[in-house]
Amino acid sequence: MQIDETAKELTGLYATGHDDRPDNVLWNYPAADKVVSVLKTLIHVIFPGMYPSEPEELEVHFTKQLKKVRNELLPEIERAVPYRWLAAAEQGIEPLSDLPAEAERIFNEFISELPSVRKRVIDDVIAAYNGDPSALSYAEVKLAYPGLLAITSHRIAHQLYRLNVPIIPRIMNEWTHAKAGIDIHPGATIGRGFFIDHGTGVVIGETTKIGSNVKIYQGVTLGAKSFPLDEHGHPIKHIQRHPTVEDRVVIYANTTVLGGKTVLGHDSVIGGNTFLLESVPPHSFVSKTEAGATVWVRDMSGLLGGLGI
């Protein structure tokens, strides 16, 4: 019977040892649906009322929602943590003997950071409201702006990334990517008052560093130029591959900025459809000429008003 033959062939493929499961045990991946449920609940904690629910006292609401997060997230953290050791095995790092205790430690530290996340996201709401004349209320920004959804999700996932939780932050990131059309790696470091206008097609890489009060438009990519390889031909991880964007920079639509050594100096404006592989001094205006050459000027007096900045 063909089904039996196919099942046997598939079984053989899973016996090759090439799969990356800890101890090669099936059925123990972090559950993506549970992670997404946790993310939605946490967004509901950051912005009470964003999802339909019965009105209740805020402290009661927060306690109830955080208990739900604990029940759903703790088992997934416990499933995810062993994936740390796959990369560390070559360095002789031994697995932890008490996974539940490590999961509990991570969870408690993560939850303690939520007030800080809330403060930062409020700055992002204000930045969007002040940066977009079509925004008529903070409620409109919170309920309708994909850029705010993306940065809120990122700020939550980034805390788990900082705590060295594998897989789960990326699941959060990719759900948000599918939902908002904005791809922010959870490793990216982003300062206060970040505004993504329109948003569709924005890509921000893992080692990107973004300062405070930065504004970017749709189609912007902050990416890597190439992937340096080790002696075995594998990409070298955890090195600076993506740009640094300093405070109060504006990047217009469909611009690509690449490279770990590329720095966009503070208070600069990067015009649309620009391709940058090199650093830009502070207070610069960068654009493309009709011939395609990159040009910049240091004295932007007279330009900012026309750009609406």
C-alpha atoms as a PDB file:
ATOM      1  CA  MET A   1       0.000   0.000   0.000  1.00  0.00           C
ATOM      2  CA  GLN A   2       1.432   3.364  -1.044  1.00  0.00           C
ATOM      3  CA  ILE A   3       0.563   5.053   2.265  1.00  0.00           C
ATOM      4  CA  ASP A   4       2.568   2.453   4.201  1.00  0.00           C
ATOM      5  CA  GLU A   5       5.545   2.813   1.873  1.00  0.00           C
ATOM      6  CA  THR A   6       5.488   6.620   2.130  1.00  0.00           C
ATOM      7  CA  ALA A   7       5.184   6.501   5.925  1.00  0.00           C
ATOM      8  CA  LYS A   8       8.178   4.164   6.105  1.00  0.00           C
ATOM      9  CA  GLU A   9      10.250   6.431   3.837  1.00  0.00           C
ATOM     10  CA  LEU A  10       9.355   9.525   5.895  1.00  0.00           C
ATOM     11  CA  THR A  11      10.287   7.695   9.110  1.00  0.00           C
ATOM     12  CA  GLY A  12      13.717   6.973   7.685  1.00  0.00           C
ATOM     13  CA  LEU A  13      14.248  10.656   6.949  1.00  0.00           C
ATOM     14  CA  TYR A  14      13.615  11.513  10.606  1.00  0.00           C
ATOM     15  CA  ALA A  15      16.174   8.952  11.739  1.00  0.00           C
ATOM     16  CA  THR A  16      19.094  10.680  10.007  1.00  0.00           C
ATOM     17  CA  GLY A  17      20.024  12.828  13.023  1.00  0.00           C
ATOM     18  CA  HIS A  18      20.015  16.013  10.915  1.00  0.00           C
ATOM     19  CA  ASP A  19      17.015  17.482  12.678  1.00  0.00           C
ATOM     20  CA  ASP A  20      17.831  20.069  15.332  1.00  0.00           C
ATOM     21  CA  ARG A  21      15.581  18.884  18.146  1.00  0.00           C
ATOM     22  CA  PRO A  22      17.207  18.724  21.607  1.00  0.00           C
ATOM     23  CA  ASP A  23      17.957  15.041  22.269  1.00  0.00           C
ATOM     24  CA  ASN A  24      16.204  14.372  18.959  1.00  0.00           C
ATOM     25  CA  VAL A  25      12.830  14.134  20.728  1.00  0.00           C
ATOM     26  CA  LEU A  26       9.709  14.803  18.683  1.00  0.00           C
ATOM     27  CA  TRP A  27       6.558  16.631  19.770  1.00  0.00           C
ATOM     28  CA  ASN A  28       8.309  19.043  22.098  1.00  0.00           C
ATOM     29  CA  TYR A  29       8.693  22.229  20.067  1.00  0.00           C
ATOM     30  CA  PRO A  30       7.302  25.430  21.577  1.00  0.00           C
ATOM     31  CA  ALA A  31       3.680  25.665  20.436  1.00  0.00           C
ATOM     32  CA  ALA A  32       3.342  28.575  17.993  1.00  0.00           C
ATOM     33  CA  ASP A  33      -0.382  29.008  18.673  1.00  0.00           C
ATOM     34  CA  LYS A  34       0.243  29.321  22.420  1.00  0.00           C
ATOM     35  CA  VAL A  35       3.017  31.876  21.825  1.00  0.00           C
ATOM     36  CA  VAL A  36       0.740  33.979  19.613  1.00  0.00           C
ATOM     37  CA  SER A  37      -2.018  33.763  22.241  1.00  0.00           C
ATOM     38  CA  VAL A  38       0.470  35.010  24.862  1.00  0.00           C
ATOM     39  CA  LEU A  39       1.526  37.881  22.610  1.00  0.00           C
ATOM     40  CA  LYS A  40      -2.081  38.967  22.071  1.00  0.00           C
ATOM     41  CA  THR A  41      -2.730  38.854  25.813  1.00  0.00           C
ATOM     42  CA  LEU A  42       0.377  40.922  26.522  1.00  0.00           C
ATOM     43  CA  ILE A  43      -0.709  43.522  23.959  1.00  0.00           C
ATOM     44  CA  HIS A  44      -4.027  43.587  25.832  1.00  0.00           C
ATOM     45  CA  VAL A  45      -2.045  44.295  29.018  1.00  0.00           C
ATOM     46  CA  ILE A  46      -0.070  47.097  27.360  1.00  0.00           C
ATOM     47  CA  PHE A  47      -3.254  48.559  25.818  1.00  0.00           C
ATOM     48  CA  PRO A  48      -6.307  47.583  27.896  1.00  0.00           C
ATOM     49  CA  GLY A  49      -9.438  47.671  25.771  1.00  0.00           C
ATOM     50  CA  MET A  50      -7.684  46.960  22.464  1.00  0.00           C
ATOM     51  CA  TYR A  51      -9.489  43.616  22.284  1.00  0.00           C
ATOM     52  CA  PRO A  52     -13.162  43.200  23.301  1.00  0.00           C
ATOM     53  CA  SER A  53     -13.605  42.343  26.989  1.00  0.00           C
ATOM     54  CA  GLU A  54     -15.846  43.143  29.919  1.00  0.00           C
ATOM     55  CA  PRO A  55     -14.879  46.353  31.773  1.00  0.00           C
ATOM     56  CA  GLU A  56     -13.176  45.741  35.108  1.00  0.00           C
ATOM     57  CA  GLU A  57     -10.821  47.448  37.528  1.00  0.00           C
ATOM     58  CA  LEU A  58      -7.386  47.766  35.968  1.00  0.00           C
ATOM     59  CA  GLU A  59      -5.511  45.950  38.726  1.00  0.00           C
ATOM     60  CA  VAL A  60      -7.977  43.061  38.559  1.00  0.00           C
ATOM     61  CA  HIS A  61      -7.638  43.037  34.771  1.00  0.00           C
ATOM     62  CA  PHE A  62      -3.835  43.003  34.894  1.00  0.00           C
ATOM     63  CA  THR A  63      -3.712  40.267  37.533  1.00  0.00           C
ATOM     64  CA  LYS A  64      -6.091  38.079  35.551  1.00  0.00           C
ATOM     65  CA  GLN A  65      -4.276  38.588  32.244  1.00  0.00           C
ATOM     66  CA  LEU A  66      -0.808  38.034  33.721  1.00  0.00           C
ATOM     67  CA  LYS A  67      -1.932  34.788  35.354  1.00  0.00           C
ATOM     68  CA  LYS A  68      -3.157  33.667  31.939  1.00  0.00           C
ATOM     69  CA  VAL A  69       0.220  34.604  30.454  1.00  0.00           C
ATOM     70  CA  ARG A  70       2.006  32.609  33.161  1.00  0.00           C
ATOM     71  CA  ASN A  71      -0.083  29.492  32.525  1.00  0.00           C
ATOM     72  CA  GLU A  72       0.508  29.638  28.779  1.00  0.00           C
ATOM     73  CA  LEU A  73       4.073  30.968  28.567  1.00  0.00           C
ATOM     74  CA  LEU A  74       5.901  28.966  31.257  1.00  0.00           C
ATOM     75  CA  PRO A  75       5.559  25.595  29.489  1.00  0.00           C
ATOM     76  CA  GLU A  76       6.667  27.130  26.177  1.00  0.00           C
ATOM     77  CA  ILE A  77       9.749  28.722  27.758  1.00  0.00           C
ATOM     78  CA  GLU A  78      10.613  25.333  29.248  1.00  0.00           C
ATOM     79  CA  ARG A  79      10.338  23.752  25.802  1.00  0.00           C
ATOM     80  CA  ALA A  80      12.390  26.504  24.179  1.00  0.00           C
ATOM     81  CA  VAL A  81      15.322  26.805  26.583  1.00  0.00           C
ATOM     82  CA  PRO A  82      17.048  23.531  25.528  1.00  0.00           C
ATOM     83  CA  TYR A  83      17.624  25.047  22.095  1.00  0.00           C
ATOM     84  CA  ARG A  84      20.279  27.248  23.701  1.00  0.00           C
ATOM     85  CA  TRP A  85      22.494  24.199  23.978  1.00  0.00           C
ATOM     86  CA  LEU A  86      22.436  23.262  20.334  1.00  0.00           C
ATOM     87  CA  ALA A  87      24.640  26.254  19.507  1.00  0.00           C
ATOM     88  CA  ALA A  88      26.605  25.880  22.732  1.00  0.00           C
ATOM     89  CA  ALA A  89      27.330  22.158  22.445  1.00  0.00           C
ATOM     90  CA  GLU A  90      30.558  22.716  20.531  1.00  0.00           C
ATOM     91  CA  GLN A  91      31.763  24.922  23.401  1.00  0.00           C
ATOM     92  CA  GLY A  92      31.148  22.170  25.934  1.00  0.00           C
ATOM     93  CA  ILE A  93      28.325  23.989  27.747  1.00  0.00           C
ATOM     94  CA  GLU A  94      26.252  21.511  29.734  1.00  0.00           C
ATOM     95  CA  PRO A  95      22.431  21.591  29.721  1.00  0.00           C
ATOM     96  CA  LEU A  96      20.685  22.862  32.839  1.00  0.00           C
ATOM     97  CA  SER A  97      19.524  20.190  35.243  1.00  0.00           C
ATOM     98  CA  ASP A  98      16.453  22.135  36.416  1.00  0.00           C
ATOM     99  CA  LEU A  99      14.486  23.434  33.433  1.00  0.00           C
ATOM    100  CA  PRO A 100      11.369  24.423  35.428  1.00  0.00           C
ATOM    101  CA  ALA A 101      13.463  26.638  37.716  1.00  0.00           C
ATOM    102  CA  GLU A 102      15.128  28.356  34.755  1.00  0.00           C
ATOM    103  CA  ALA A 103      11.754  28.889  33.063  1.00  0.00           C
ATOM    104  CA  GLU A 104      10.392  30.393  36.292  1.00  0.00           C
ATOM    105  CA  ARG A 105      13.392  32.724  36.587  1.00  0.00           C
ATOM    106  CA  ILE A 106      13.008  33.893  32.989  1.00  0.00           C
ATOM    107  CA  PHE A 107       9.279  34.432  33.351  1.00  0.00           C
ATOM    108  CA  ASN A 108       9.582  36.502  36.527  1.00  0.00           C
ATOM    109  CA  GLU A 109      12.294  38.702  35.049  1.00  0.00           C
ATOM    110  CA  PHE A 110      10.292  39.113  31.846  1.00  0.00           C
ATOM    111  CA  ILE A 111       7.106  40.117  33.666  1.00  0.00           C
ATOM    112  CA  SER A 112       9.012  42.627  35.805  1.00  0.00           C
ATOM    113  CA  GLU A 113       9.955  44.496  32.596  1.00  0.00           C
ATOM    114  CA  LEU A 114       6.383  45.023  31.371  1.00  0.00           C
ATOM    115  CA  PRO A 115       5.916  48.429  33.099  1.00  0.00           C
ATOM    116  CA  SER A 116       9.051  49.621  31.276  1.00  0.00           C
ATOM    117  CA  VAL A 117       7.647  48.293  27.999  1.00  0.00           C
ATOM    118  CA  ARG A 118       4.388  50.152  28.630  1.00  0.00           C
ATOM    119  CA  LYS A 119       6.265  53.446  29.221  1.00  0.00           C
ATOM    120  CA  ARG A 120       8.232  53.058  25.998  1.00  0.00           C
ATOM    121  CA  VAL A 121       5.164  52.191  23.948  1.00  0.00           C
ATOM    122  CA  ILE A 122       3.333  55.274  25.206  1.00  0.00           C
ATOM    123  CA  ASP A 123       6.229  57.326  23.822  1.00  0.00           C
ATOM    124  CA  ASP A 124       5.729  55.497  20.507  1.00  0.00           C
ATOM    125  CA  VAL A 125       2.017  56.393  20.505  1.00  0.00           C
ATOM    126  CA  ILE A 126       2.860  60.050  21.109  1.00  0.00           C
ATOM    127  CA  ALA A 127       5.502  59.973  18.350  1.00  0.00           C
ATOM    128  CA  ALA A 128       2.970  58.584  15.878  1.00  0.00           C
ATOM    129  CA  TYR A 129       0.317  61.129  16.860  1.00  0.00           C
ATOM    130  CA  ASN A 130       2.746  64.047  16.622  1.00  0.00           C
ATOM    131  CA  GLY A 131       4.407  62.707  13.479  1.00  0.00           C
ATOM    132  CA  ASP A 132       1.275  62.163  11.398  1.00  0.00           C
ATOM    133  CA  PRO A 133      -1.134  65.081  10.845  1.00  0.00           C
ATOM    134  CA  SER A 134      -3.827  62.611   9.762  1.00  0.00           C
ATOM    135  CA  ALA A 135      -3.896  61.025  13.250  1.00  0.00           C
ATOM    136  CA  LEU A 136      -6.821  62.607  15.075  1.00  0.00           C
ATOM    137  CA  SER A 137      -6.536  60.834  18.432  1.00  0.00           C
ATOM    138  CA  TYR A 138      -4.303  58.538  20.449  1.00  0.00           C
ATOM    139  CA  ALA A 139      -7.072  55.921  20.257  1.00  0.00           C
ATOM    140  CA  GLU A 140      -6.831  55.957  16.453  1.00  0.00           C
ATOM    141  CA  VAL A 141      -3.089  55.340  16.656  1.00  0.00           C
ATOM    142  CA  LYS A 142      -3.491  52.482  19.157  1.00  0.00           C
ATOM    143  CA  LEU A 143      -6.309  50.737  17.320  1.00  0.00           C
ATOM    144  CA  ALA A 144      -5.437  51.268  13.665  1.00  0.00           C
ATOM    145  CA  TYR A 145      -1.718  51.856  13.065  1.00  0.00           C
ATOM    146  CA  PRO A 146       0.251  48.789  11.907  1.00  0.00           C
ATOM    147  CA  GLY A 147       3.511  50.498  12.825  1.00  0.00           C
ATOM    148  CA  LEU A 148       2.436  50.714  16.459  1.00  0.00           C
ATOM    149  CA  LEU A 149       1.367  47.058  16.479  1.00  0.00           C
ATOM    150  CA  ALA A 150       4.785  46.117  15.093  1.00  0.00           C
ATOM    151  CA  ILE A 151       6.791  48.137  17.592  1.00  0.00           C
ATOM    152  CA  THR A 152       4.630  47.028  20.551  1.00  0.00           C
ATOM    153  CA  SER A 153       5.097  43.386  19.581  1.00  0.00           C
ATOM    154  CA  HIS A 154       8.812  44.014  19.093  1.00  0.00           C
ATOM    155  CA  ARG A 155       9.272  45.603  22.499  1.00  0.00           C
ATOM    156  CA  ILE A 156       7.627  42.554  24.106  1.00  0.00           C
ATOM    157  CA  ALA A 157       9.610  40.013  22.062  1.00  0.00           C
ATOM    158  CA  HIS A 158      12.856  41.936  22.598  1.00  0.00           C
ATOM    159  CA  GLN A 159      12.637  41.362  26.359  1.00  0.00           C
ATOM    160  CA  LEU A 160      12.520  37.596  25.807  1.00  0.00           C
ATOM    161  CA  TYR A 161      15.379  37.858  23.309  1.00  0.00           C
ATOM    162  CA  ARG A 162      17.465  39.712  25.922  1.00  0.00           C
ATOM    163  CA  LEU A 163      16.789  36.866  28.359  1.00  0.00           C
ATOM    164  CA  ASN A 164      18.247  34.398  25.834  1.00  0.00           C
ATOM    165  CA  VAL A 165      14.943  32.637  25.154  1.00  0.00           C
ATOM    166  CA  PRO A 166      15.231  30.807  21.815  1.00  0.00           C
ATOM    167  CA  ILE A 167      12.478  30.532  19.164  1.00  0.00           C
ATOM    168  CA  ILE A 168       9.624  32.233  21.058  1.00  0.00           C
ATOM    169  CA  PRO A 169      10.620  35.833  20.187  1.00  0.00           C
ATOM    170  CA  ARG A 170      10.879  34.877  16.501  1.00  0.00           C
ATOM    171  CA  ILE A 171       7.408  33.318  16.549  1.00  0.00           C
ATOM    172  CA  MET A 172       6.076  36.590  17.955  1.00  0.00           C
ATOM    173  CA  ASN A 173       7.987  38.549  15.324  1.00  0.00           C
ATOM    174  CA  GLU A 174       6.730  36.461  12.413  1.00  0.00           C
ATOM    175  CA  TRP A 175       3.092  36.619  13.528  1.00  0.00           C
ATOM    176  CA  THR A 176       3.427  40.397  13.625  1.00  0.00           C
ATOM    177  CA  HIS A 177       5.212  40.371  10.248  1.00  0.00           C
ATOM    178  CA  ALA A 178       2.269  38.506   8.707  1.00  0.00           C
ATOM    179  CA  LYS A 179      -0.251  40.762  10.435  1.00  0.00           C
ATOM    180  CA  ALA A 180       1.331  44.184   9.830  1.00  0.00           C
ATOM    181  CA  GLY A 181       3.664  43.632   6.871  1.00  0.00           C
ATOM    182  CA  ILE A 182       6.553  44.906   9.020  1.00  0.00           C
ATOM    183  CA  ASP A 183       9.519  42.650   9.860  1.00  0.00           C
ATOM    184  CA  ILE A 184      11.484  43.699  12.962  1.00  0.00           C
ATOM    185  CA  HIS A 185      13.884  41.077  14.268  1.00  0.00           C
ATOM    186  CA  PRO A 186      13.461  40.767  18.053  1.00  0.00           C
ATOM    187  CA  GLY A 187      17.180  41.389  18.511  1.00  0.00           C
ATOM    188  CA  ALA A 188      17.047  44.936  17.125  1.00  0.00           C
ATOM    189  CA  THR A 189      17.658  47.662  19.725  1.00  0.00           C
ATOM    190  CA  ILE A 190      15.205  50.549  19.390  1.00  0.00           C
ATOM    191  CA  GLY A 191      15.088  53.771  21.414  1.00  0.00           C
ATOM    192  CA  ARG A 192      12.114  55.794  22.602  1.00  0.00           C
ATOM    193  CA  GLY A 193       9.558  57.529  20.393  1.00  0.00           C
ATOM    194  CA  PHE A 194       9.915  55.291  17.327  1.00  0.00           C
ATOM    195  CA  PHE A 195       7.416  55.912  14.498  1.00  0.00           C
ATOM    196  CA  ILE A 196       6.922  53.770  11.400  1.00  0.00           C
ATOM    197  CA  ASP A 197       4.618  55.666   9.032  1.00  0.00           C
ATOM    198  CA  HIS A 198       2.454  53.472   6.753  1.00  0.00           C
ATOM    199  CA  GLY A 199       4.857  50.621   7.428  1.00  0.00           C
ATOM    200  CA  THR A 200       4.306  48.036   4.695  1.00  0.00           C
ATOM    201  CA  GLY A 201       7.534  46.387   3.602  1.00  0.00           C
ATOM    202  CA  VAL A 202       9.770  47.686   6.413  1.00  0.00           C
ATOM    203  CA  VAL A 203      12.602  45.282   7.365  1.00  0.00           C
ATOM    204  CA  ILE A 204      14.845  45.841  10.407  1.00  0.00           C
ATOM    205  CA  GLY A 205      17.631  43.323  10.994  1.00  0.00           C
ATOM    206  CA  GLU A 206      18.763  41.613  14.181  1.00  0.00           C
ATOM    207  CA  THR A 207      21.746  43.793  15.099  1.00  0.00           C
ATOM    208  CA  THR A 208      20.250  47.129  14.052  1.00  0.00           C
ATOM    209  CA  LYS A 209      20.617  49.917  16.611  1.00  0.00           C
ATOM    210  CA  ILE A 210      18.062  52.729  16.445  1.00  0.00           C
ATOM    211  CA  GLY A 211      18.218  55.823  18.636  1.00  0.00           C
ATOM    212  CA  SER A 212      15.380  57.929  20.034  1.00  0.00           C
ATOM    213  CA  ASN A 213      12.750  59.882  18.080  1.00  0.00           C
ATOM    214  CA  VAL A 214      13.508  58.167  14.765  1.00  0.00           C
ATOM    215  CA  LYS A 215      10.903  58.122  12.001  1.00  0.00           C
ATOM    216  CA  ILE A 216      10.886  55.775   9.007  1.00  0.00           C
ATOM    217  CA  TYR A 217       8.478  55.248   6.131  1.00  0.00           C
ATOM    218  CA  GLN A 218       7.238  52.263   4.152  1.00  0.00           C
ATOM    219  CA  GLY A 219       9.645  50.033   2.279  1.00  0.00           C
ATOM    220  CA  VAL A 220      12.717  50.936   4.343  1.00  0.00           C
ATOM    221  CA  THR A 221      15.298  48.167   4.830  1.00  0.00           C
ATOM    222  CA  LEU A 222      17.973  48.277   7.515  1.00  0.00           C
ATOM    223  CA  GLY A 223      19.918  45.208   6.502  1.00  0.00           C
ATOM    224  CA  ALA A 224      23.258  43.412   6.231  1.00  0.00           C
ATOM    225  CA  LYS A 225      25.685  43.707   3.325  1.00  0.00           C
ATOM    226  CA  SER A 226      26.889  40.110   3.504  1.00  0.00           C
ATOM    227  CA  PHE A 227      27.294  37.197   5.879  1.00  0.00           C
ATOM    228  CA  PRO A 228      30.906  36.590   7.016  1.00  0.00           C
ATOM    229  CA  LEU A 229      31.634  32.859   7.297  1.00  0.00           C
ATOM    230  CA  ASP A 230      33.683  30.858   9.781  1.00  0.00           C
ATOM    231  CA  GLU A 231      36.297  28.242   8.872  1.00  0.00           C
ATOM    232  CA  HIS A 232      33.529  25.691   8.285  1.00  0.00           C
ATOM    233  CA  GLY A 233      31.651  27.921   5.859  1.00  0.00           C
ATOM    234  CA  HIS A 234      28.872  28.734   8.344  1.00  0.00           C
ATOM    235  CA  PRO A 235      27.604  32.289   8.965  1.00  0.00           C
ATOM    236  CA  ILE A 236      29.218  33.962  11.995  1.00  0.00           C
ATOM    237  CA  LYS A 237      26.427  34.919  14.374  1.00  0.00           C
ATOM    238  CA  HIS A 238      26.052  37.634  17.026  1.00  0.00           C
ATOM    239  CA  ILE A 239      28.235  40.219  15.306  1.00  0.00           C
ATOM    240  CA  GLN A 240      27.167  43.698  14.205  1.00  0.00           C
ATOM    241  CA  ARG A 241      25.811  43.186  10.674  1.00  0.00           C
ATOM    242  CA  HIS A 242      23.172  45.913  10.471  1.00  0.00           C
ATOM    243  CA  PRO A 243      23.260  49.734  10.550  1.00  0.00           C
ATOM    244  CA  THR A 244      23.170  52.143  13.446  1.00  0.00           C
ATOM    245  CA  VAL A 245      20.595  54.945  13.190  1.00  0.00           C
ATOM    246  CA  GLU A 246      21.234  57.775  15.611  1.00  0.00           C
ATOM    247  CA  ASP A 247      18.688  60.066  17.296  1.00  0.00           C
ATOM    248  CA  ARG A 248      16.130  62.094  15.333  1.00  0.00           C
ATOM    249  CA  VAL A 249      16.886  60.588  11.926  1.00  0.00           C
ATOM    250  CA  VAL A 250      14.130  60.490   9.281  1.00  0.00           C
ATOM    251  CA  ILE A 251      14.314  57.819   6.549  1.00  0.00           C
ATOM    252  CA  TYR A 252      11.917  58.207   3.635  1.00  0.00           C
ATOM    253  CA  ALA A 253      10.188  55.487   1.621  1.00  0.00           C
ATOM    254  CA  ASN A 254      11.919  52.592  -0.156  1.00  0.00           C
ATOM    255  CA  THR A 255      15.388  53.405   1.132  1.00  0.00           C
ATOM    256  CA  THR A 256      17.913  50.625   1.782  1.00  0.00           C
ATOM    257  CA  VAL A 257      20.722  51.045   4.312  1.00  0.00           C
ATOM    258  CA  LEU A 258      23.163  48.131   4.668  1.00  0.00           C
ATOM    259  CA  GLY A 259      26.135  47.166   6.788  1.00  0.00           C
ATOM    260  CA  GLY A 260      27.229  46.852  10.397  1.00  0.00           C
ATOM    261  CA  LYS A 261      29.681  49.736  10.076  1.00  0.00           C
ATOM    262  CA  THR A 262      27.131  52.079   8.479  1.00  0.00           C
ATOM    263  CA  VAL A 263      26.041  54.862  10.819  1.00  0.00           C
ATOM    264  CA  LEU A 264      23.359  57.432  10.030  1.00  0.00           C
ATOM    265  CA  GLY A 265      24.400  60.496  12.033  1.00  0.00           C
ATOM    266  CA  HIS A 266      21.894  62.167  14.328  1.00  0.00           C
ATOM    267  CA  ASP A 267      19.446  64.734  12.957  1.00  0.00           C
ATOM    268  CA  SER A 268      19.890  63.536   9.365  1.00  0.00           C
ATOM    269  CA  VAL A 269      17.270  63.079   6.662  1.00  0.00           C
ATOM    270  CA  ILE A 270      17.598  60.240   4.155  1.00  0.00           C
ATOM    271  CA  GLY A 271      15.589  60.825   0.986  1.00  0.00           C
ATOM    272  CA  GLY A 272      13.406  58.179  -0.628  1.00  0.00           C
ATOM    273  CA  ASN A 273      14.752  55.450  -2.925  1.00  0.00           C
ATOM    274  CA  THR A 274      18.286  55.928  -1.621  1.00  0.00           C
ATOM    275  CA  PHE A 275      20.764  53.021  -1.412  1.00  0.00           C
ATOM    276  CA  LEU A 276      23.434  53.508   1.258  1.00  0.00           C
ATOM    277  CA  LEU A 277      26.473  51.374   2.070  1.00  0.00           C
ATOM    278  CA  GLU A 278      28.434  54.053   3.910  1.00  0.00           C
ATOM    279  CA  SER A 279      28.049  56.246   6.965  1.00  0.00           C
ATOM    280  CA  VAL A 280      26.463  59.688   6.886  1.00  0.00           C
ATOM    281  CA  PRO A 281      27.628  62.588   9.117  1.00  0.00           C
ATOM    282  CA  PRO A 282      25.186  64.189  11.577  1.00  0.00           C
ATOM    283  CA  HIS A 283      22.853  66.898  10.237  1.00  0.00           C
ATOM    284  CA  SER A 284      23.018  65.554   6.669  1.00  0.00           C
ATOM    285  CA  PHE A 285      20.438  65.487   3.922  1.00  0.00           C
ATOM    286  CA  VAL A 286      20.986  62.484   1.643  1.00  0.00           C
ATOM    287  CA  SER A 287      19.304  61.904  -1.709  1.00  0.00           C
ATOM    288  CA  LYS A 288      19.764  60.408  -5.154  1.00  0.00           C
ATOM    289  CA  THR A 289      20.509  62.457  -8.246  1.00  0.00           C
ATOM    290  CA  GLU A 290      18.811  61.707 -11.553  1.00  0.00           C
ATOM    291  CA  ALA A 291      22.005  59.917 -12.590  1.00  0.00           C
ATOM    292  CA  GLY A 292      21.692  57.671  -9.542  1.00  0.00           C
ATOM    293  CA  ALA A 293      24.624  59.076  -7.540  1.00  0.00           C
ATOM    294  CA  THR A 294      24.276  59.519  -3.777  1.00  0.00           C
ATOM    295  CA  VAL A 295      24.720  63.095  -2.595  1.00  0.00           C
ATOM    296  CA  TRP A 296      24.475  64.724   0.790  1.00  0.00           C
ATOM    297  CA  VAL A 297      24.703  68.178   2.258  1.00  0.00           C
ATOM    298  CA  ARG A 298      25.539  69.136   5.834  1.00  0.00           C
ATOM    299  CA  ASP A 299      23.649  72.450   5.988  1.00  0.00           C
ATOM    300  CA  MET A 300      19.952  71.598   5.850  1.00  0.00           C
ATOM    301  CA  SER A 301      18.609  75.075   6.585  1.00  0.00           C
ATOM    302  CA  GLY A 302      15.725  75.774   4.239  1.00  0.00           C
ATOM    303  CA  LEU A 303      15.145  72.090   3.499  1.00  0.00           C
ATOM    304  CA  LEU A 304      13.444  70.881   6.655  1.00  0.00           C
ATOM    305  CA  GLY A 305      10.327  73.012   6.352  1.00  0.00           C
ATOM    306  CA  GLY A 306       9.707  71.768   2.834  1.00  0.00           C
ATOM    307  CA  LEU A 307      10.059  68.185   4.034  1.00  0.00           C
ATOM    308  CA  GLY A 308       7.499  68.667   6.755  1.00  0.00           C
ATOM    309  CA  ILE A 309       9.999  67.955   9.540  1.00  0.00           C
END
